[in-house]
Amino acid sequence: MGFNQAINYNRNIADARSADLDIAEKLANYCKRNETKLIFLSSSAVYPPSTIPAREDGTIGPVTPYGNAKYYIEQLFADVSG
């Protein structure tokens, strides 16, 4: 799947999550295998809704499938790099 073929989370949650996780696992394995660094930009969707800005060290609490996928990917990359 190319960048121009992104799957909309609101229309097809299962396919979008599967695509995100598949790509993340491939990236993690590539970086580990090649001892390469990766900068991953996640999403504020990993934090619960709030009226104040989220802090990076704030409570994690995704409430959407997109936020859950991003949180899982953060954990995947942390496990591979640790």
PDB file of N, CA and C in Angstrom:
ATOM      1  N   MET A   1       0.846  -1.165   0.000  1.00  0.00           N
ATOM      2  CA  MET A   1       0.000   0.000   0.000  1.00  0.00           C
ATOM      3  C   MET A   1       0.893   1.229   0.000  1.00  0.00           C
ATOM      4  N   GLY A   2       0.692   2.132  -0.918  1.00  0.00           N
ATOM      5  CA  GLY A   2       1.468   3.360  -1.000  1.00  0.00           C
ATOM      6  C   GLY A   2       0.861   4.443  -0.139  1.00  0.00           C
ATOM      7  N   PHE A   3       1.611   5.518   0.018  1.00  0.00           N
ATOM      8  CA  PHE A   3       1.119   6.627   0.828  1.00  0.00           C
ATOM      9  C   PHE A   3      -0.165   7.213   0.270  1.00  0.00           C
ATOM     10  N   ASN A   4      -0.305   7.206  -1.027  1.00  0.00           N
ATOM     11  CA  ASN A   4      -1.506   7.774  -1.629  1.00  0.00           C
ATOM     12  C   ASN A   4      -2.703   6.838  -1.520  1.00  0.00           C
ATOM     13  N   GLN A   5      -2.512   5.676  -0.930  1.00  0.00           N
ATOM     14  CA  GLN A   5      -3.590   4.710  -0.775  1.00  0.00           C
ATOM     15  C   GLN A   5      -3.927   4.495   0.702  1.00  0.00           C
ATOM     16  N   ALA A   6      -3.721   5.505   1.518  1.00  0.00           N
ATOM     17  CA  ALA A   6      -3.982   5.385   2.954  1.00  0.00           C
ATOM     18  C   ALA A   6      -5.425   4.977   3.198  1.00  0.00           C
ATOM     19  N   ILE A   7      -5.616   4.140   4.197  1.00  0.00           N
ATOM     20  CA  ILE A   7      -6.946   3.669   4.553  1.00  0.00           C
ATOM     21  C   ILE A   7      -7.498   4.571   5.645  1.00  0.00           C
ATOM     22  N   ASN A   8      -8.719   4.992   5.514  1.00  0.00           N
ATOM     23  CA  ASN A   8      -9.374   5.873   6.465  1.00  0.00           C
ATOM     24  C   ASN A   8      -9.846   5.055   7.674  1.00  0.00           C
ATOM     25  N   TYR A   9      -9.376   5.423   8.866  1.00  0.00           N
ATOM     26  CA  TYR A   9      -9.767   4.708  10.081  1.00  0.00           C
ATOM     27  C   TYR A   9     -11.277   4.736  10.301  1.00  0.00           C
ATOM     28  N   ASN A  10     -11.909   5.814   9.933  1.00  0.00           N
ATOM     29  CA  ASN A  10     -13.344   5.922  10.160  1.00  0.00           C
ATOM     30  C   ASN A  10     -14.153   5.015   9.241  1.00  0.00           C
ATOM     31  N   ARG A  11     -13.593   4.625   8.143  1.00  0.00           N
ATOM     32  CA  ARG A  11     -14.332   3.783   7.191  1.00  0.00           C
ATOM     33  C   ARG A  11     -14.019   2.304   7.336  1.00  0.00           C
ATOM     34  N   ASN A  12     -12.768   1.991   7.653  1.00  0.00           N
ATOM     35  CA  ASN A  12     -12.379   0.586   7.721  1.00  0.00           C
ATOM     36  C   ASN A  12     -11.332   0.402   8.816  1.00  0.00           C
ATOM     37  N   ILE A  13     -11.792   0.318  10.040  1.00  0.00           N
ATOM     38  CA  ILE A  13     -10.899   0.255  11.198  1.00  0.00           C
ATOM     39  C   ILE A  13      -9.950  -0.938  11.118  1.00  0.00           C
ATOM     40  N   ALA A  14     -10.456  -2.110  10.806  1.00  0.00           N
ATOM     41  CA  ALA A  14      -9.626  -3.319  10.804  1.00  0.00           C
ATOM     42  C   ALA A  14      -8.512  -3.226   9.770  1.00  0.00           C
ATOM     43  N   ASP A  15      -8.821  -2.810   8.565  1.00  0.00           N
ATOM     44  CA  ASP A  15      -7.800  -2.708   7.520  1.00  0.00           C
ATOM     45  C   ASP A  15      -6.779  -1.619   7.832  1.00  0.00           C
ATOM     46  N   ALA A  16      -7.248  -0.483   8.345  1.00  0.00           N
ATOM     47  CA  ALA A  16      -6.338   0.616   8.663  1.00  0.00           C
ATOM     48  C   ALA A  16      -5.380   0.204   9.780  1.00  0.00           C
ATOM     49  N   ARG A  17      -5.909  -0.401  10.822  1.00  0.00           N
ATOM     50  CA  ARG A  17      -5.067  -0.842  11.943  1.00  0.00           C
ATOM     51  C   ARG A  17      -4.079  -1.902  11.479  1.00  0.00           C
ATOM     52  N   SER A  18      -4.547  -2.843  10.700  1.00  0.00           N
ATOM     53  CA  SER A  18      -3.679  -3.898  10.188  1.00  0.00           C
ATOM     54  C   SER A  18      -2.543  -3.314   9.347  1.00  0.00           C
ATOM     55  N   ALA A  19      -2.865  -2.362   8.491  1.00  0.00           N
ATOM     56  CA  ALA A  19      -1.854  -1.738   7.637  1.00  0.00           C
ATOM     57  C   ALA A  19      -0.834  -0.985   8.479  1.00  0.00           C
ATOM     58  N   ASP A  20      -1.291  -0.203   9.455  1.00  0.00           N
ATOM     59  CA  ASP A  20      -0.378   0.541  10.329  1.00  0.00           C
ATOM     60  C   ASP A  20       0.545  -0.399  11.092  1.00  0.00           C
ATOM     61  N   LEU A  21      -0.018  -1.426  11.682  1.00  0.00           N
ATOM     62  CA  LEU A  21       0.783  -2.344  12.493  1.00  0.00           C
ATOM     63  C   LEU A  21       1.745  -3.148  11.635  1.00  0.00           C
ATOM     64  N   ASP A  22       1.314  -3.550  10.453  1.00  0.00           N
ATOM     65  CA  ASP A  22       2.183  -4.294   9.544  1.00  0.00           C
ATOM     66  C   ASP A  22       3.388  -3.447   9.136  1.00  0.00           C
ATOM     67  N   ILE A  23       3.143  -2.213   8.777  1.00  0.00           N
ATOM     68  CA  ILE A  23       4.230  -1.318   8.379  1.00  0.00           C
ATOM     69  C   ILE A  23       5.158  -1.059   9.557  1.00  0.00           C
ATOM     70  N   ALA A  24       4.604  -0.839  10.736  1.00  0.00           N
ATOM     71  CA  ALA A  24       5.422  -0.573  11.920  1.00  0.00           C
ATOM     72  C   ALA A  24       6.313  -1.767  12.249  1.00  0.00           C
ATOM     73  N   GLU A  25       5.773  -2.961  12.174  1.00  0.00           N
ATOM     74  CA  GLU A  25       6.576  -4.155  12.455  1.00  0.00           C
ATOM     75  C   GLU A  25       7.690  -4.316  11.439  1.00  0.00           C
ATOM     76  N   LYS A  26       7.410  -4.040  10.176  1.00  0.00           N
ATOM     77  CA  LYS A  26       8.453  -4.112   9.147  1.00  0.00           C
ATOM     78  C   LYS A  26       9.543  -3.077   9.401  1.00  0.00           C
ATOM     79  N   LEU A  27       9.146  -1.855   9.776  1.00  0.00           N
ATOM     80  CA  LEU A  27      10.126  -0.810  10.089  1.00  0.00           C
ATOM     81  C   LEU A  27      10.974  -1.202  11.295  1.00  0.00           C
ATOM     82  N   ALA A  28      10.329  -1.691  12.336  1.00  0.00           N
ATOM     83  CA  ALA A  28      11.056  -2.089  13.544  1.00  0.00           C
ATOM     84  C   ALA A  28      12.063  -3.189  13.230  1.00  0.00           C
ATOM     85  N   ASN A  29      11.650  -4.189  12.481  1.00  0.00           N
ATOM     86  CA  ASN A  29      12.560  -5.281  12.121  1.00  0.00           C
ATOM     87  C   ASN A  29      13.709  -4.791  11.243  1.00  0.00           C
ATOM     88  N   TYR A  30      13.405  -3.903  10.308  1.00  0.00           N
ATOM     89  CA  TYR A  30      14.452  -3.354   9.440  1.00  0.00           C
ATOM     90  C   TYR A  30      15.485  -2.590  10.273  1.00  0.00           C
ATOM     91  N   CYS A  31      15.008  -1.735  11.163  1.00  0.00           N
ATOM     92  CA  CYS A  31      15.921  -0.935  11.977  1.00  0.00           C
ATOM     93  C   CYS A  31      16.766  -1.815  12.890  1.00  0.00           C
ATOM     94  N   LYS A  32      16.151  -2.821  13.469  1.00  0.00           N
ATOM     95  CA  LYS A  32      16.903  -3.724  14.345  1.00  0.00           C
ATOM     96  C   LYS A  32      17.948  -4.506  13.554  1.00  0.00           C
ATOM     97  N   ARG A  33      17.542  -5.035  12.433  1.00  0.00           N
ATOM     98  CA  ARG A  33      18.433  -5.836  11.594  1.00  0.00           C
ATOM     99  C   ARG A  33      19.617  -5.020  11.068  1.00  0.00           C
ATOM    100  N   ASN A  34      19.370  -3.763  10.739  1.00  0.00           N
ATOM    101  CA  ASN A  34      20.397  -2.907  10.140  1.00  0.00           C
ATOM    102  C   ASN A  34      21.001  -1.910  11.132  1.00  0.00           C
ATOM    103  N   GLU A  35      20.658  -2.060  12.406  1.00  0.00           N
ATOM    104  CA  GLU A  35      21.158  -1.170  13.455  1.00  0.00           C
ATOM    105  C   GLU A  35      20.990   0.293  13.034  1.00  0.00           C
ATOM    106  N   THR A  36      19.773   0.596  12.605  1.00  0.00           N
ATOM    107  CA  THR A  36      19.423   1.917  12.090  1.00  0.00           C
ATOM    108  C   THR A  36      18.514   2.628  13.078  1.00  0.00           C
ATOM    109  N   LYS A  37      18.665   3.930  13.169  1.00  0.00           N
ATOM    110  CA  LYS A  37      17.802   4.720  14.051  1.00  0.00           C
ATOM    111  C   LYS A  37      16.532   5.134  13.316  1.00  0.00           C
ATOM    112  N   LEU A  38      15.487   5.334  14.096  1.00  0.00           N
ATOM    113  CA  LEU A  38      14.204   5.750  13.556  1.00  0.00           C
ATOM    114  C   LEU A  38      13.613   6.795  14.480  1.00  0.00           C
ATOM    115  N   ILE A  39      13.127   7.872  13.919  1.00  0.00           N
ATOM    116  CA  ILE A  39      12.390   8.867  14.684  1.00  0.00           C
ATOM    117  C   ILE A  39      10.925   8.662  14.351  1.00  0.00           C
ATOM    118  N   PHE A  40      10.148   8.318  15.375  1.00  0.00           N
ATOM    119  CA  PHE A  40       8.729   8.047  15.175  1.00  0.00           C
ATOM    120  C   PHE A  40       7.909   9.170  15.777  1.00  0.00           C
ATOM    121  N   LEU A  41       7.096   9.791  14.977  1.00  0.00           N
ATOM    122  CA  LEU A  41       6.178  10.826  15.458  1.00  0.00           C
ATOM    123  C   LEU A  41       4.827  10.169  15.656  1.00  0.00           C
ATOM    124  N   SER A  42       4.385  10.120  16.873  1.00  0.00           N
ATOM    125  CA  SER A  42       3.122   9.465  17.177  1.00  0.00           C
ATOM    126  C   SER A  42       1.969  10.437  16.978  1.00  0.00           C
ATOM    127  N   SER A  43       1.043  10.444  17.904  1.00  0.00           N
ATOM    128  CA  SER A  43      -0.152  11.263  17.774  1.00  0.00           C
ATOM    129  C   SER A  43      -0.681  11.617  19.153  1.00  0.00           C
ATOM    130  N   SER A  44      -1.307  12.767  19.254  1.00  0.00           N
ATOM    131  CA  SER A  44      -1.935  13.127  20.530  1.00  0.00           C
ATOM    132  C   SER A  44      -3.114  12.216  20.825  1.00  0.00           C
ATOM    133  N   ALA A  45      -3.495  11.396  19.853  1.00  0.00           N
ATOM    134  CA  ALA A  45      -4.613  10.470  20.043  1.00  0.00           C
ATOM    135  C   ALA A  45      -4.303   9.383  21.070  1.00  0.00           C
ATOM    136  N   VAL A  46      -3.034   9.266  21.505  1.00  0.00           N
ATOM    137  CA  VAL A  46      -2.701   8.282  22.535  1.00  0.00           C
ATOM    138  C   VAL A  46      -3.096   8.766  23.928  1.00  0.00           C
ATOM    139  N   TYR A  47      -3.448  10.052  24.047  1.00  0.00           N
ATOM    140  CA  TYR A  47      -3.865  10.626  25.323  1.00  0.00           C
ATOM    141  C   TYR A  47      -5.383  10.741  25.364  1.00  0.00           C
ATOM    142  N   PRO A  48      -5.953  10.677  26.547  1.00  0.00           N
ATOM    143  CA  PRO A  48      -7.413  10.823  26.647  1.00  0.00           C
ATOM    144  C   PRO A  48      -7.829  12.261  26.325  1.00  0.00           C
ATOM    145  N   PRO A  49      -9.075  12.438  25.923  1.00  0.00           N
ATOM    146  CA  PRO A  49      -9.558  13.790  25.654  1.00  0.00           C
ATOM    147  C   PRO A  49      -9.420  14.664  26.902  1.00  0.00           C
ATOM    148  N   SER A  50      -9.074  15.927  26.697  1.00  0.00           N
ATOM    149  CA  SER A  50      -8.890  16.832  27.816  1.00  0.00           C
ATOM    150  C   SER A  50      -9.070  18.269  27.342  1.00  0.00           C
ATOM    151  N   THR A  51      -9.371  19.131  28.264  1.00  0.00           N
ATOM    152  CA  THR A  51      -9.494  20.549  27.927  1.00  0.00           C
ATOM    153  C   THR A  51      -8.152  21.266  28.037  1.00  0.00           C
ATOM    154  N   ILE A  52      -7.139  20.587  28.584  1.00  0.00           N
ATOM    155  CA  ILE A  52      -5.798  21.172  28.665  1.00  0.00           C
ATOM    156  C   ILE A  52      -4.868  20.409  27.732  1.00  0.00           C
ATOM    157  N   PRO A  53      -3.804  21.053  27.255  1.00  0.00           N
ATOM    158  CA  PRO A  53      -2.877  20.374  26.338  1.00  0.00           C
ATOM    159  C   PRO A  53      -2.249  19.133  26.985  1.00  0.00           C
ATOM    160  N   ALA A  54      -2.065  18.111  26.188  1.00  0.00           N
ATOM    161  CA  ALA A  54      -1.435  16.875  26.673  1.00  0.00           C
ATOM    162  C   ALA A  54       0.058  17.116  26.873  1.00  0.00           C
ATOM    163  N   ARG A  55       0.600  16.449  27.870  1.00  0.00           N
ATOM    164  CA  ARG A  55       2.045  16.470  28.105  1.00  0.00           C
ATOM    165  C   ARG A  55       2.597  15.103  27.725  1.00  0.00           C
ATOM    166  N   GLU A  56       3.811  15.099  27.236  1.00  0.00           N
ATOM    167  CA  GLU A  56       4.420  13.839  26.808  1.00  0.00           C
ATOM    168  C   GLU A  56       4.494  12.828  27.949  1.00  0.00           C
ATOM    169  N   ASP A  57       4.624  13.301  29.165  1.00  0.00           N
ATOM    170  CA  ASP A  57       4.686  12.399  30.313  1.00  0.00           C
ATOM    171  C   ASP A  57       3.312  12.236  30.980  1.00  0.00           C
ATOM    172  N   GLY A  58       2.275  12.657  30.280  1.00  0.00           N
ATOM    173  CA  GLY A  58       0.915  12.562  30.809  1.00  0.00           C
ATOM    174  C   GLY A  58       0.368  11.148  30.759  1.00  0.00           C
ATOM    175  N   THR A  59      -0.810  10.995  31.291  1.00  0.00           N
ATOM    176  CA  THR A  59      -1.485   9.695  31.326  1.00  0.00           C
ATOM    177  C   THR A  59      -1.868   9.259  29.921  1.00  0.00           C
ATOM    178  N   ILE A  60      -1.549   8.022  29.607  1.00  0.00           N
ATOM    179  CA  ILE A  60      -1.910   7.446  28.313  1.00  0.00           C
ATOM    180  C   ILE A  60      -3.328   6.898  28.431  1.00  0.00           C
ATOM    181  N   GLY A  61      -4.121   7.097  27.402  1.00  0.00           N
ATOM    182  CA  GLY A  61      -5.494   6.606  27.451  1.00  0.00           C
ATOM    183  C   GLY A  61      -6.204   6.802  26.127  1.00  0.00           C
ATOM    184  N   PRO A  62      -5.725   6.129  25.086  1.00  0.00           N
ATOM    185  CA  PRO A  62      -6.388   6.286  23.791  1.00  0.00           C
ATOM    186  C   PRO A  62      -7.834   5.821  23.857  1.00  0.00           C
ATOM    187  N   VAL A  63      -8.706   6.541  23.152  1.00  0.00           N
ATOM    188  CA  VAL A  63     -10.128   6.191  23.164  1.00  0.00           C
ATOM    189  C   VAL A  63     -10.652   5.876  21.767  1.00  0.00           C
ATOM    190  N   THR A  64      -9.774   5.894  20.787  1.00  0.00           N
ATOM    191  CA  THR A  64     -10.171   5.586  19.412  1.00  0.00           C
ATOM    192  C   THR A  64      -9.309   4.461  18.866  1.00  0.00           C
ATOM    193  N   PRO A  65      -9.762   3.762  17.847  1.00  0.00           N
ATOM    194  CA  PRO A  65      -8.925   2.734  17.225  1.00  0.00           C
ATOM    195  C   PRO A  65      -7.601   3.308  16.716  1.00  0.00           C
ATOM    196  N   TYR A  66      -7.634   4.520  16.174  1.00  0.00           N
ATOM    197  CA  TYR A  66      -6.420   5.175  15.689  1.00  0.00           C
ATOM    198  C   TYR A  66      -5.447   5.401  16.849  1.00  0.00           C
ATOM    199  N   GLY A  67      -5.938   5.934  17.957  1.00  0.00           N
ATOM    200  CA  GLY A  67      -5.094   6.164  19.127  1.00  0.00           C
ATOM    201  C   GLY A  67      -4.524   4.877  19.686  1.00  0.00           C
ATOM    202  N   ASN A  68      -5.339   3.827  19.725  1.00  0.00           N
ATOM    203  CA  ASN A  68      -4.862   2.516  20.197  1.00  0.00           C
ATOM    204  C   ASN A  68      -3.751   1.980  19.310  1.00  0.00           C
ATOM    205  N   ALA A  69      -3.904   2.119  18.007  1.00  0.00           N
ATOM    206  CA  ALA A  69      -2.873   1.642  17.077  1.00  0.00           C
ATOM    207  C   ALA A  69      -1.576   2.421  17.280  1.00  0.00           C
ATOM    208  N   LYS A  70      -1.674   3.735  17.417  1.00  0.00           N
ATOM    209  CA  LYS A  70      -0.476   4.558  17.616  1.00  0.00           C
ATOM    210  C   LYS A  70       0.217   4.195  18.926  1.00  0.00           C
ATOM    211  N   TYR A  71      -0.550   3.946  19.963  1.00  0.00           N
ATOM    212  CA  TYR A  71       0.049   3.553  21.239  1.00  0.00           C
ATOM    213  C   TYR A  71       0.754   2.200  21.111  1.00  0.00           C
ATOM    214  N   TYR A  72       0.115   1.249  20.441  1.00  0.00           N
ATOM    215  CA  TYR A  72       0.732  -0.059  20.240  1.00  0.00           C
ATOM    216  C   TYR A  72       2.054   0.100  19.478  1.00  0.00           C
ATOM    217  N   ILE A  73       2.060   0.948  18.469  1.00  0.00           N
ATOM    218  CA  ILE A  73       3.275   1.160  17.669  1.00  0.00           C
ATOM    219  C   ILE A  73       4.371   1.792  18.527  1.00  0.00           C
ATOM    220  N   GLU A  74       4.005   2.747  19.380  1.00  0.00           N
ATOM    221  CA  GLU A  74       4.988   3.339  20.300  1.00  0.00           C
ATOM    222  C   GLU A  74       5.636   2.241  21.145  1.00  0.00           C
ATOM    223  N   GLN A  75       4.811   1.348  21.678  1.00  0.00           N
ATOM    224  CA  GLN A  75       5.326   0.264  22.522  1.00  0.00           C
ATOM    225  C   GLN A  75       6.213  -0.693  21.722  1.00  0.00           C
ATOM    226  N   LEU A  76       5.810  -0.995  20.515  1.00  0.00           N
ATOM    227  CA  LEU A  76       6.608  -1.861  19.638  1.00  0.00           C
ATOM    228  C   LEU A  76       7.997  -1.276  19.427  1.00  0.00           C
ATOM    229  N   PHE A  77       8.058   0.003  19.065  1.00  0.00           N
ATOM    230  CA  PHE A  77       9.348   0.643  18.810  1.00  0.00           C
ATOM    231  C   PHE A  77      10.173   0.745  20.105  1.00  0.00           C
ATOM    232  N   ALA A  78       9.522   1.001  21.237  1.00  0.00           N
ATOM    233  CA  ALA A  78      10.240   1.063  22.503  1.00  0.00           C
ATOM    234  C   ALA A  78      10.851  -0.297  22.847  1.00  0.00           C
ATOM    235  N   ASP A  79      10.098  -1.355  22.616  1.00  0.00           N
ATOM    236  CA  ASP A  79      10.602  -2.705  22.905  1.00  0.00           C
ATOM    237  C   ASP A  79      11.788  -3.056  22.012  1.00  0.00           C
ATOM    238  N   VAL A  80      11.720  -2.688  20.757  1.00  0.00           N
ATOM    239  CA  VAL A  80      12.798  -3.006  19.815  1.00  0.00           C
ATOM    240  C   VAL A  80      14.055  -2.197  20.143  1.00  0.00           C
ATOM    241  N   SER A  81      13.871  -0.954  20.578  1.00  0.00           N
ATOM    242  CA  SER A  81      15.029  -0.094  20.832  1.00  0.00           C
ATOM    243  C   SER A  81      15.629  -0.301  22.215  1.00  0.00           C
ATOM    244  N   GLY A  82      14.875  -0.929  23.109  1.00  0.00           N
ATOM    245  CA  GLY A  82      15.336  -1.070  24.492  1.00  0.00           C
ATOM    246  C   GLY A  82      16.139  -2.267  24.700  1.00  0.00           C
TER     247      GLY A  82
END
